[in-house]
């Protein structure tokens, strides 16, 4: 299971027991969107090849509210 923890500057990720940080600039470059408009599903797809997506995607702006 992948765990994503969002904050104003990026995302802390735990993937298969490995912890790492994805800075918002990297996420913006990869998605070609402003960080607040990126969804949790998009970030998860950057981490995992075929993630099990469930529920509605949530924008970072909604998550940080």
N, C-alpha and C. Protein backbone atom coordinates (compact mmCIF):
# COMPACT_ATOMS: atom_id res chain seq x y z
N UNK A 1 0.84 -1.19 0.00
CA UNK A 1 0.00 0.00 0.00
C UNK A 1 0.88 1.25 0.00
N UNK A 2 0.52 2.21 -0.81
CA UNK A 2 1.25 3.47 -0.90
C UNK A 2 0.54 4.51 -0.04
N UNK A 3 1.32 5.25 0.74
CA UNK A 3 0.76 6.30 1.60
C UNK A 3 1.29 7.65 1.10
N UNK A 4 0.38 8.59 0.87
CA UNK A 4 0.73 9.94 0.43
C UNK A 4 0.35 10.92 1.51
N UNK A 5 1.29 11.79 1.89
CA UNK A 5 1.02 12.84 2.88
C UNK A 5 1.34 14.17 2.23
N UNK A 6 0.30 14.95 1.96
CA UNK A 6 0.45 16.22 1.23
C UNK A 6 0.70 17.38 2.19
N UNK A 7 1.53 18.33 1.76
CA UNK A 7 1.66 19.61 2.44
C UNK A 7 1.87 20.69 1.38
N UNK A 8 2.08 21.92 1.79
CA UNK A 8 2.19 23.05 0.86
C UNK A 8 3.36 22.93 -0.12
N UNK A 9 4.40 22.19 0.27
CA UNK A 9 5.63 22.14 -0.53
C UNK A 9 5.83 20.84 -1.30
N UNK A 10 4.93 19.87 -1.12
CA UNK A 10 5.09 18.61 -1.83
C UNK A 10 4.41 17.46 -1.11
N UNK A 11 4.90 16.25 -1.38
CA UNK A 11 4.27 15.04 -0.87
C UNK A 11 5.32 14.11 -0.27
N UNK A 12 5.06 13.65 0.94
CA UNK A 12 5.86 12.58 1.53
C UNK A 12 5.19 11.28 1.11
N UNK A 13 6.01 10.35 0.59
CA UNK A 13 5.49 9.10 0.04
C UNK A 13 6.12 7.93 0.79
N UNK A 14 5.31 6.93 1.09
CA UNK A 14 5.81 5.63 1.55
C UNK A 14 5.33 4.61 0.54
N UNK A 15 6.28 4.01 -0.19
CA UNK A 15 5.97 3.06 -1.25
C UNK A 15 6.79 1.80 -1.03
N UNK A 16 6.11 0.69 -0.81
CA UNK A 16 6.76 -0.60 -0.58
C UNK A 16 7.84 -0.49 0.49
N UNK A 17 7.52 0.22 1.57
CA UNK A 17 8.45 0.35 2.69
C UNK A 17 9.53 1.40 2.53
N UNK A 18 9.57 2.07 1.39
CA UNK A 18 10.57 3.11 1.14
C UNK A 18 9.90 4.48 1.27
N UNK A 19 10.52 5.35 2.07
CA UNK A 19 10.00 6.70 2.25
C UNK A 19 10.80 7.67 1.39
N UNK A 20 10.11 8.57 0.72
CA UNK A 20 10.79 9.61 -0.05
C UNK A 20 9.87 10.81 -0.19
N UNK A 21 10.44 11.89 -0.68
CA UNK A 21 9.74 13.17 -0.81
C UNK A 21 9.64 13.55 -2.28
N UNK A 22 8.47 14.00 -2.71
CA UNK A 22 8.28 14.55 -4.05
C UNK A 22 7.97 16.03 -3.87
N UNK A 23 8.88 16.89 -4.32
CA UNK A 23 8.68 18.33 -4.21
C UNK A 23 7.63 18.79 -5.20
N UNK A 24 6.93 19.87 -4.85
CA UNK A 24 5.83 20.35 -5.71
C UNK A 24 6.32 20.73 -7.10
N UNK A 25 7.55 21.22 -7.23
CA UNK A 25 8.07 21.59 -8.55
C UNK A 25 8.16 20.36 -9.46
N UNK A 26 8.58 19.24 -8.92
CA UNK A 26 8.67 17.99 -9.68
C UNK A 26 7.27 17.55 -10.12
N UNK A 27 6.32 17.63 -9.22
CA UNK A 27 4.94 17.23 -9.52
C UNK A 27 4.34 18.15 -10.59
N UNK A 28 4.59 19.45 -10.47
CA UNK A 28 4.08 20.41 -11.47
C UNK A 28 4.68 20.13 -12.84
N UNK A 29 5.96 19.85 -12.87
CA UNK A 29 6.64 19.58 -14.14
C UNK A 29 6.10 18.30 -14.77
N UNK A 30 5.91 17.27 -13.97
CA UNK A 30 5.44 15.98 -14.49
C UNK A 30 3.99 16.03 -14.97
N UNK A 31 3.15 16.80 -14.29
CA UNK A 31 1.73 16.85 -14.64
C UNK A 31 1.38 18.02 -15.55
N UNK A 32 2.30 18.98 -15.66
CA UNK A 32 2.07 20.21 -16.41
C UNK A 32 0.86 20.97 -15.87
N UNK A 33 0.70 20.94 -14.53
CA UNK A 33 -0.37 21.65 -13.84
C UNK A 33 0.22 22.37 -12.63
N UNK A 34 -0.51 23.38 -12.16
CA UNK A 34 -0.15 24.00 -10.90
C UNK A 34 -0.41 23.00 -9.78
N UNK A 35 0.45 22.99 -8.77
CA UNK A 35 0.35 22.02 -7.68
C UNK A 35 -1.04 21.93 -7.05
N UNK A 36 -1.74 23.05 -6.75
CA UNK A 36 -3.07 22.93 -6.14
C UNK A 36 -4.10 22.22 -7.02
N UNK A 37 -3.86 22.18 -8.34
CA UNK A 37 -4.81 21.56 -9.27
C UNK A 37 -4.52 20.09 -9.55
N UNK A 38 -3.40 19.59 -9.06
CA UNK A 38 -3.04 18.18 -9.24
C UNK A 38 -3.91 17.34 -8.31
N UNK A 39 -4.30 16.14 -8.75
CA UNK A 39 -5.12 15.27 -7.89
C UNK A 39 -4.26 14.21 -7.21
N UNK A 40 -4.81 13.67 -6.13
CA UNK A 40 -4.13 12.58 -5.43
C UNK A 40 -3.95 11.38 -6.35
N UNK A 41 -4.89 11.13 -7.26
CA UNK A 41 -4.77 10.02 -8.19
C UNK A 41 -3.59 10.23 -9.14
N UNK A 42 -3.39 11.46 -9.59
CA UNK A 42 -2.27 11.74 -10.48
C UNK A 42 -0.93 11.50 -9.78
N UNK A 43 -0.83 11.92 -8.53
CA UNK A 43 0.41 11.70 -7.77
C UNK A 43 0.62 10.20 -7.57
N UNK A 44 -0.42 9.49 -7.22
CA UNK A 44 -0.31 8.04 -7.02
C UNK A 44 0.15 7.35 -8.30
N UNK A 45 -0.33 7.80 -9.45
CA UNK A 45 0.08 7.21 -10.72
C UNK A 45 1.54 7.53 -11.05
N UNK A 46 2.08 8.58 -10.48
CA UNK A 46 3.51 8.88 -10.66
C UNK A 46 4.36 7.90 -9.86
N UNK A 47 3.81 7.41 -8.76
CA UNK A 47 4.55 6.52 -7.87
C UNK A 47 4.42 5.06 -8.30
N UNK A 48 3.20 4.64 -8.57
CA UNK A 48 2.92 3.24 -8.93
C UNK A 48 2.56 3.14 -10.40
N UNK A 49 2.94 2.01 -11.01
CA UNK A 49 2.65 1.81 -12.43
C UNK A 49 1.15 1.66 -12.69
N UNK A 50 0.49 0.79 -11.95
CA UNK A 50 -0.96 0.57 -12.10
C UNK A 50 -1.61 0.56 -10.73
N UNK A 51 -1.77 1.74 -10.13
CA UNK A 51 -2.30 1.78 -8.77
C UNK A 51 -3.79 1.45 -8.73
N UNK A 52 -4.25 0.87 -7.63
CA UNK A 52 -5.68 0.65 -7.47
C UNK A 52 -6.34 1.97 -7.07
N UNK A 53 -6.99 2.62 -8.00
CA UNK A 53 -7.62 3.92 -7.75
C UNK A 53 -9.04 3.69 -7.26
N UNK A 54 -9.38 4.29 -6.13
CA UNK A 54 -10.73 4.16 -5.61
C UNK A 54 -11.23 5.53 -5.17
N UNK A 55 -12.53 5.71 -5.23
CA UNK A 55 -13.11 6.98 -4.85
C UNK A 55 -12.86 8.06 -5.89
N UNK A 56 -13.37 9.22 -5.61
CA UNK A 56 -13.19 10.36 -6.50
C UNK A 56 -11.81 10.96 -6.30
N UNK A 57 -11.14 11.39 -7.38
CA UNK A 57 -9.86 12.08 -7.21
C UNK A 57 -10.07 13.39 -6.46
N UNK A 58 -9.13 13.73 -5.61
CA UNK A 58 -9.20 14.98 -4.84
C UNK A 58 -8.02 15.87 -5.21
N UNK A 59 -8.32 17.15 -5.48
CA UNK A 59 -7.26 18.11 -5.78
C UNK A 59 -6.46 18.42 -4.53
N UNK A 60 -5.17 18.74 -4.70
CA UNK A 60 -4.31 19.09 -3.57
C UNK A 60 -4.94 20.25 -2.79
N UNK A 61 -5.51 21.22 -3.49
CA UNK A 61 -6.13 22.37 -2.82
C UNK A 61 -7.23 21.91 -1.85
N UNK A 62 -8.00 20.89 -2.24
CA UNK A 62 -9.06 20.37 -1.38
C UNK A 62 -8.47 19.62 -0.18
N UNK A 63 -7.42 18.87 -0.42
CA UNK A 63 -6.78 18.08 0.63
C UNK A 63 -6.18 19.00 1.70
N UNK A 64 -5.59 20.12 1.27
CA UNK A 64 -4.90 21.02 2.21
C UNK A 64 -5.84 21.98 2.91
N UNK A 65 -7.09 22.06 2.47
CA UNK A 65 -8.06 22.96 3.14
C UNK A 65 -8.34 22.54 4.56
